[in-house]
Amino acid sequence: MNVLIIEDEELAVRKLTKLLQDVDPTLHVVGTAASVRASVSWLEANAPGQPSAPDLILMDIELADGQSFEIFEQTTVTAPVIFTTSYDEYALRAFKVNSIDYLLKPIKRQELEASLEKHRRLSSGAATDPTPQVSIDALVQQLRKQVAPTEHRRRFLVRHLSQWVPIEVSDIAYFYSEEGVSLFRTRSNQKFSVDYTLDELESMLDPGQFFRANRQFIVDINSVQQIHPYFNNKLKLTLKPSPDDEVLVSRERATDFKKWMGK
């Protein structure tokens, strides 16, 4: 079975590819795309009838240039879709398009196996109705229960030279992504890598303490030193310690960010 992965975090793509191979070695990842635009181009170049046409698509909802729902507005998607998401607010829209299931990040092997088995049953005609008979209200409630953390992450065990050291979350100034690797900087300006995507980290952290500024940065509230108006109603942040790249909050997230800072 040909599988297309639409996901904008390189580490997440590697993890999902490995998980798919572990679950079913006959699955073949025929392509990956990191944005709405790239996804549309890939799907149009690999239309049904082509050897590389996907039989199944695993699709993250938040992509580098927008939400993946835009793909369905720009091209025809004939393959069933399993959405991957950290956000319960997208459940309603996900089930109104060509979706057979959803998976909450971080994706667990058992849940992926169940989704793939569901796809096989639908494809073989074992199910008479391809539309999931799911109460949307019940689905949203289920999502909320799954994503609501019982306890936020308090520390990370990271590699430093020849040993492992624990770092308290309260000592972390921000998390960021660099060339497909997730890292964080401490308040004392030490840099460490972590084996989680930013989406996974966001679900582990206290939302009162950390804010997802953009696809590359999750910032601690105490690391924000200054907030500057920026072009097109964006915000530019001055963080301490200073990151190598500028940190911008998008126009869409600016209002939420100001409310978060003002709490």
Protein backbone atom coordinates (compact mmCIF):
# COMPACT_ATOMS: atom_id res chain seq x y z
CA MET A 1 0.00 0.00 0.00
CA ASN A 2 1.32 3.42 -0.99
CA VAL A 3 1.31 6.04 1.76
CA LEU A 4 1.81 9.80 1.42
CA ILE A 5 2.90 11.72 4.53
CA ILE A 6 1.96 15.41 4.70
CA GLU A 7 3.83 16.89 7.68
CA ASP A 8 6.07 19.96 8.04
CA GLU A 9 8.37 18.75 10.83
CA GLU A 10 11.22 16.58 9.58
CA LEU A 11 11.59 14.75 12.88
CA ALA A 12 7.88 13.91 12.86
CA VAL A 13 8.20 12.54 9.30
CA ARG A 14 11.10 10.30 10.34
CA LYS A 15 9.25 9.06 13.41
CA LEU A 16 6.04 8.35 11.51
CA THR A 17 7.90 6.60 8.67
CA LYS A 18 9.65 4.32 11.15
CA LEU A 19 6.41 3.63 13.01
CA LEU A 20 4.65 2.70 9.76
CA GLN A 21 7.46 0.30 8.84
CA ASP A 22 7.37 -1.26 12.30
CA VAL A 23 3.60 -1.74 12.14
CA ASP A 24 3.52 -3.09 8.57
CA PRO A 25 6.72 -3.58 6.51
CA THR A 26 4.62 -3.84 3.32
CA LEU A 27 3.63 -0.17 3.60
CA HIS A 28 5.56 2.03 1.19
CA VAL A 29 6.00 5.76 1.83
CA VAL A 30 5.92 7.09 -1.73
CA GLY A 31 6.33 10.74 -0.86
CA THR A 32 6.28 13.51 1.71
CA ALA A 33 5.16 17.13 1.57
CA ALA A 34 5.62 19.91 4.12
CA SER A 35 3.18 22.58 2.92
CA VAL A 36 -0.21 23.09 1.30
CA ARG A 37 1.43 24.20 -1.93
CA ALA A 38 3.83 21.24 -2.06
CA SER A 39 1.01 18.81 -1.24
CA VAL A 40 -1.19 20.11 -4.05
CA SER A 41 1.71 19.87 -6.53
CA TRP A 42 2.58 16.34 -5.40
CA LEU A 43 -1.00 15.08 -5.61
CA GLU A 44 -1.51 16.55 -9.07
CA ALA A 45 1.74 14.95 -10.28
CA ASN A 46 0.77 11.58 -8.80
CA ALA A 47 -2.89 11.32 -9.76
CA PRO A 48 -4.88 8.05 -9.61
CA GLY A 49 -3.57 5.62 -12.21
CA GLN A 50 0.05 6.62 -11.62
CA PRO A 51 2.27 3.93 -10.01
CA SER A 52 3.06 6.27 -7.10
CA ALA A 53 -0.54 7.38 -6.46
CA PRO A 54 -1.25 7.07 -2.73
CA ASP A 55 -3.70 4.54 -1.32
CA LEU A 56 -3.70 6.38 2.00
CA ILE A 57 -2.62 9.84 3.21
CA LEU A 58 -1.42 10.69 6.71
CA MET A 59 -1.97 14.43 6.98
CA ASP A 60 -0.97 16.89 9.69
CA ILE A 61 -3.51 19.69 10.06
CA GLU A 62 -1.10 22.59 10.71
CA LEU A 63 1.41 23.00 7.87
CA ALA A 64 4.13 25.53 7.11
CA ASP A 65 1.89 27.73 4.94
CA GLY A 66 -1.57 27.10 6.36
CA GLN A 67 -4.04 24.41 7.37
CA SER A 68 -4.19 21.20 5.38
CA PHE A 69 -7.93 21.64 4.79
CA GLU A 70 -6.89 24.11 2.08
CA ILE A 71 -5.49 21.18 0.05
CA PHE A 72 -9.04 19.89 -0.50
CA GLU A 73 -10.08 23.30 -1.80
CA GLN A 74 -7.25 23.44 -4.36
CA THR A 75 -7.19 19.90 -5.78
CA THR A 76 -9.09 16.62 -5.81
CA VAL A 77 -8.08 14.21 -3.07
CA THR A 78 -9.32 10.69 -3.83
CA ALA A 79 -7.31 8.71 -1.26
CA PRO A 80 -8.64 8.25 2.27
CA VAL A 81 -7.02 10.50 4.86
CA ILE A 82 -5.96 9.91 8.44
CA PHE A 83 -5.50 13.29 10.09
CA THR A 84 -2.81 13.81 12.73
CA THR A 85 -3.36 16.65 15.16
CA SER A 86 -2.66 18.01 18.61
CA TYR A 87 -5.80 20.15 18.62
CA ASP A 88 -9.34 19.00 19.34
CA GLU A 89 -10.82 22.12 17.68
CA TYR A 90 -10.16 20.57 14.26
CA ALA A 91 -12.16 17.37 14.87
CA LEU A 92 -15.35 18.69 13.30
CA ARG A 93 -13.72 19.89 10.09
CA ALA A 94 -11.57 16.77 9.80
CA PHE A 95 -14.60 14.50 9.61
CA LYS A 96 -16.36 16.66 7.02
CA VAL A 97 -13.70 15.98 4.40
CA ASN A 98 -12.40 12.69 3.00
CA SER A 99 -11.24 11.35 6.35
CA ILE A 100 -11.43 7.85 7.77
CA ASP A 101 -9.88 8.63 11.13
CA TYR A 102 -7.79 10.98 13.24
CA LEU A 103 -4.71 10.40 15.41
CA LEU A 104 -3.66 12.63 18.28
CA LYS A 105 0.01 13.48 18.62
CA PRO A 106 2.22 12.00 19.89
CA ILE A 107 1.05 9.07 17.78
CA LYS A 108 1.02 5.71 19.54
CA ARG A 109 1.66 2.43 17.73
CA GLN A 110 -1.55 0.78 18.93
CA GLU A 111 -3.68 3.69 17.68
CA LEU A 112 -1.91 3.74 14.30
CA GLU A 113 -2.50 -0.01 13.93
CA ALA A 114 -6.20 0.48 14.67
CA SER A 115 -6.50 3.25 12.06
CA LEU A 116 -4.75 1.16 9.41
CA GLU A 117 -7.00 -1.80 10.18
CA LYS A 118 -10.04 0.46 9.84
CA HIS A 119 -8.76 1.57 6.43
CA ARG A 120 -8.30 -2.05 5.33
CA ARG A 121 -11.86 -2.98 6.37
CA LEU A 122 -13.32 -0.05 4.47
CA SER A 123 -11.18 -0.77 1.40
CA SER A 124 -12.15 -4.45 1.33
CA GLY A 125 -15.85 -3.66 1.53
CA ALA A 126 -16.18 -5.29 4.94
CA ALA A 127 -17.94 -2.13 6.06
CA THR A 128 -21.08 -1.24 4.16
CA ASP A 129 -20.89 2.49 4.85
CA PRO A 130 -17.55 4.29 4.34
CA THR A 131 -18.67 7.21 6.48
CA PRO A 132 -17.74 6.73 10.15
CA GLN A 133 -20.92 6.59 12.23
CA VAL A 134 -19.57 8.80 14.95
CA SER A 135 -21.38 11.39 17.01
CA ILE A 136 -19.41 14.59 16.47
CA ASP A 137 -20.20 15.81 19.98
CA ALA A 138 -18.96 12.53 21.44
CA LEU A 139 -15.87 12.72 19.24
CA VAL A 140 -14.95 16.20 20.48
CA GLN A 141 -15.45 15.12 24.10
CA GLN A 142 -13.24 12.09 23.52
CA LEU A 143 -10.54 14.28 21.97
CA ARG A 144 -10.63 16.67 24.90
CA LYS A 145 -10.20 13.84 27.37
CA GLN A 146 -7.22 12.48 25.44
CA VAL A 147 -5.40 15.78 25.00
CA ALA A 148 -6.06 17.13 28.49
CA PRO A 149 -2.84 16.40 30.38
CA THR A 150 -3.17 15.03 33.88
CA GLU A 151 0.22 16.50 34.70
CA HIS A 152 2.51 18.80 32.74
CA ARG A 153 6.11 17.86 32.05
CA ARG A 154 8.41 18.97 34.87
CA ARG A 155 11.84 17.99 33.56
CA PHE A 156 13.69 16.50 30.59
CA LEU A 157 16.55 14.01 30.68
CA VAL A 158 19.07 15.10 28.05
CA ARG A 159 22.46 13.97 26.82
CA HIS A 160 25.42 16.14 27.81
CA LEU A 161 28.91 14.99 26.82
CA SER A 162 29.19 11.41 28.12
CA GLN A 163 26.32 11.52 30.58
CA TRP A 164 22.61 12.13 30.98
CA VAL A 165 21.49 15.16 32.97
CA PRO A 166 18.02 16.25 34.14
CA ILE A 167 16.91 19.78 33.19
CA GLU A 168 13.96 21.32 34.99
CA VAL A 169 11.31 22.82 32.72
CA SER A 170 11.39 25.94 34.91
CA ASP A 171 15.01 26.46 33.75
CA ILE A 172 14.08 26.40 30.03
CA ALA A 173 13.72 29.71 28.20
CA TYR A 174 12.38 28.38 24.90
CA PHE A 175 12.16 25.36 22.60
CA TYR A 176 12.91 25.68 18.90
CA SER A 177 13.42 23.70 15.71
CA GLU A 178 16.59 23.86 13.66
CA GLU A 179 17.19 21.79 10.52
CA GLY A 180 14.63 19.20 11.58
CA VAL A 181 15.98 18.85 15.12
CA SER A 182 14.15 20.01 18.26
CA LEU A 183 16.26 21.85 20.83
CA PHE A 184 15.88 24.09 23.85
CA ARG A 185 17.93 26.78 25.53
CA THR A 186 18.14 27.23 29.26
CA ARG A 187 18.10 30.56 31.04
CA SER A 188 21.87 30.18 31.43
CA ASN A 189 22.14 29.87 27.61
CA GLN A 190 22.95 26.16 27.45
CA LYS A 191 21.65 24.33 24.39
CA PHE A 192 20.30 20.75 24.40
CA SER A 193 18.47 18.58 21.87
CA VAL A 194 15.33 16.58 22.65
CA ASP A 195 13.81 13.63 20.82
CA TYR A 196 10.35 15.18 20.47
CA THR A 197 8.75 17.31 17.78
CA LEU A 198 7.52 20.77 18.71
CA ASP A 199 3.94 19.52 18.34
CA GLU A 200 4.66 16.79 20.89
CA LEU A 201 6.41 19.23 23.21
CA GLU A 202 3.51 21.66 23.03
CA SER A 203 1.15 18.96 24.33
CA MET A 204 3.49 18.26 27.29
CA LEU A 205 3.98 21.83 28.48
CA ASP A 206 1.86 24.06 30.70
CA PRO A 207 0.00 26.44 28.32
CA GLY A 208 0.00 29.08 31.03
CA GLN A 209 3.79 29.03 31.00
CA PHE A 210 4.64 28.29 27.36
CA PHE A 211 3.24 29.70 24.11
CA ARG A 212 3.65 28.40 20.55
CA ALA A 213 4.81 31.60 18.88
CA ASN A 214 5.14 29.99 15.45
CA ARG A 215 6.11 26.70 13.82
CA GLN A 216 9.72 27.10 14.99
CA PHE A 217 9.45 28.44 18.56
CA ILE A 218 7.72 27.66 21.85
CA VAL A 219 8.56 30.42 24.33
CA ASP A 220 8.45 30.58 28.11
CA ILE A 221 6.58 33.61 29.44
CA ASN A 222 9.55 34.74 31.54
CA SER A 223 11.92 34.68 28.56
CA VAL A 224 9.97 37.43 26.75
CA GLN A 225 11.78 40.72 27.38
CA GLN A 226 10.22 42.99 24.76
CA ILE A 227 7.35 42.87 22.24
CA HIS A 228 7.64 44.99 19.10
CA PRO A 229 4.97 45.76 16.46
CA TYR A 230 6.04 44.26 13.16
CA PHE A 231 5.05 44.38 9.51
CA ASN A 232 1.56 43.11 8.60
CA ASN A 233 0.31 43.17 12.22
CA LYS A 234 2.81 40.57 13.38
CA LEU A 235 4.77 40.83 16.61
CA LYS A 236 8.53 40.56 16.99
CA LEU A 237 9.82 39.17 20.29
CA THR A 238 13.04 39.91 22.13
CA LEU A 239 13.93 36.84 24.18
CA LYS A 240 16.51 36.22 26.85
CA PRO A 241 18.85 34.57 26.08
CA SER A 242 18.81 35.89 22.55
CA PRO A 243 18.10 33.23 19.86
CA ASP A 244 20.03 32.98 16.61
CA ASP A 245 16.89 33.70 14.53
CA GLU A 246 14.26 36.38 14.97
CA VAL A 247 11.04 35.23 16.61
CA LEU A 248 7.81 36.47 15.06
CA VAL A 249 4.24 35.89 16.21
CA SER A 250 1.86 35.70 13.25
CA ARG A 251 -0.99 38.14 12.80
CA GLU A 252 -3.47 35.31 13.50
CA ARG A 253 -1.81 34.45 16.82
CA ALA A 254 -0.95 37.98 17.94
CA THR A 255 -4.21 38.57 19.84
CA ASP A 256 -3.93 35.24 21.69
CA PHE A 257 -0.31 35.99 22.50
CA LYS A 258 -1.15 39.38 24.04
CA LYS A 259 -3.92 37.82 26.10
CA TRP A 260 -1.49 35.12 27.26
CA MET A 261 1.14 37.68 28.25
CA GLY A 262 -1.44 39.77 30.08
CA LYS A 263 -2.82 37.01 32.30
